[in-house]
Protein backbone atom coordinates (compact mmCIF):
# COMPACT_ATOMS: atom_id res chain seq x y z
CA MET A 1 -4.21 -19.81 35.84
CA LEU A 2 -6.31 -21.56 33.25
CA VAL A 3 -5.69 -20.61 29.62
CA THR A 4 -8.32 -21.75 27.15
CA GLN A 5 -7.57 -23.60 23.95
CA LYS A 6 -8.58 -20.56 21.87
CA VAL A 7 -6.17 -18.26 23.72
CA GLN A 8 -3.38 -20.83 23.35
CA THR A 9 -4.05 -21.01 19.61
CA ILE A 10 -3.84 -17.22 19.31
CA LEU A 11 -0.63 -17.08 21.36
CA PHE A 12 1.11 -19.81 19.35
CA SER A 13 -0.08 -18.30 16.06
CA VAL A 14 1.30 -14.86 16.88
CA PHE A 15 4.59 -16.25 18.13
CA GLY A 16 4.78 -18.45 15.03
CA LEU A 17 4.35 -15.40 12.81
CA LEU A 18 7.01 -13.52 14.77
CA LEU A 19 9.42 -16.40 14.23
CA ILE A 20 9.45 -15.68 10.49
CA PRO A 21 11.45 -12.41 10.70
CA LEU A 22 13.54 -13.81 13.57
CA ILE A 23 14.64 -16.75 11.43
CA ALA A 24 15.07 -14.55 8.35
CA MET A 25 17.44 -12.31 10.32
CA GLN A 26 19.77 -15.28 10.71
CA PHE A 27 20.16 -15.73 6.95
CA THR A 28 20.02 -12.26 5.42
CA ILE A 29 20.96 -8.70 6.28
CA GLU A 30 17.82 -7.37 4.55
CA VAL A 31 15.70 -8.22 7.58
CA ASN A 32 16.90 -6.06 10.44
CA TRP A 33 14.39 -5.98 13.30
CA ASN A 34 15.22 -4.87 16.82
CA PHE A 35 13.33 -5.52 20.06
CA ALA A 36 10.98 -2.57 19.50
CA ASP A 37 9.98 -3.92 16.09
CA PHE A 38 9.09 -7.31 17.56
CA PHE A 39 7.25 -5.66 20.45
CA ILE A 40 5.14 -3.44 18.19
CA ALA A 41 4.42 -6.32 15.82
CA ALA A 42 3.33 -8.49 18.75
CA ILE A 43 1.01 -5.77 20.04
CA LEU A 44 -0.53 -5.30 16.60
CA LEU A 45 -0.97 -9.03 15.98
CA PHE A 46 -2.39 -9.74 19.44
CA SER A 47 -4.77 -6.80 19.14
CA LEU A 48 -5.99 -8.00 15.76
CA ALA A 49 -6.37 -11.62 16.86
CA PHE A 50 -8.24 -10.87 20.07
CA SER A 51 -10.42 -8.27 18.30
CA ILE A 52 -11.44 -10.83 15.69
CA ASP A 53 -12.14 -13.36 18.44
CA PHE A 54 -14.30 -10.80 20.24
CA ILE A 55 -16.19 -10.01 17.03
CA PHE A 56 -16.88 -13.71 16.42
CA ARG A 57 -18.27 -14.07 19.92
CA LYS A 58 -20.36 -10.89 20.15
CA VAL A 59 -21.63 -10.02 16.66
CA LYS A 60 -24.55 -12.18 15.56
CA SER A 61 -25.07 -11.21 11.91
CA LYS A 62 -22.72 -12.93 9.47
CA SER A 63 -22.66 -9.92 7.12
CA HIS A 64 -21.79 -7.60 10.00
CA LYS A 65 -19.00 -9.95 11.11
CA ILE A 66 -17.50 -9.95 7.63
CA LEU A 67 -17.73 -6.17 7.32
CA ILE A 68 -16.22 -5.46 10.74
CA ILE A 69 -13.43 -8.03 10.38
CA ALA A 70 -12.59 -6.76 6.89
CA SER A 71 -12.34 -3.19 8.20
CA PHE A 72 -10.09 -4.34 11.06
CA LEU A 73 -7.85 -6.23 8.60
CA ILE A 74 -7.59 -3.24 6.26
CA ALA A 75 -6.75 -0.93 9.16
CA PHE A 76 -4.15 -3.43 10.43
CA LEU A 77 -2.51 -3.78 7.01
CA LEU A 78 -2.41 -0.02 6.44
CA LEU A 79 -0.89 0.58 9.87
CA TRP A 80 1.64 -2.21 9.35
CA ALA A 81 2.64 -0.82 5.94
CA GLU A 82 2.96 2.68 7.35
CA LEU A 83 5.19 1.51 10.17
CA ALA A 84 7.27 -0.62 7.79
CA VAL A 85 7.88 1.69 4.84
CA GLY A 86 5.95 4.91 5.43
CA ILE A 87 3.41 4.87 2.60
CA PHE A 88 1.60 7.91 4.01
CA GLY A 89 4.66 9.82 5.18
CA THR A 90 3.65 10.24 8.82
CA PRO A 91 6.30 11.12 11.43
CA PHE A 92 6.42 7.58 12.86
CA ALA A 93 7.08 5.90 9.50
CA GLY A 94 9.77 3.27 9.32
CA SER A 95 11.94 4.91 6.69
């Protein structure tokens, strides 16, 4: 199976980001992720990365690209914050 350079870059970037909490867990008790946390974070990061890649390839207008990517980033950050600390108080909040 042939994996393109762009896909490899996305894969290594996501795994690199996921190494940050994994390494932090070795040095402090304040970071306490389990397998489900890493799995959900990987799904969110891969979804965001491949969505941005798709937008870059398919959307022609630069202003539309910026607007769509910004909305995806805001949605990603709000979802991440909700899962981490429960800023909106939904039932699947982290705390």
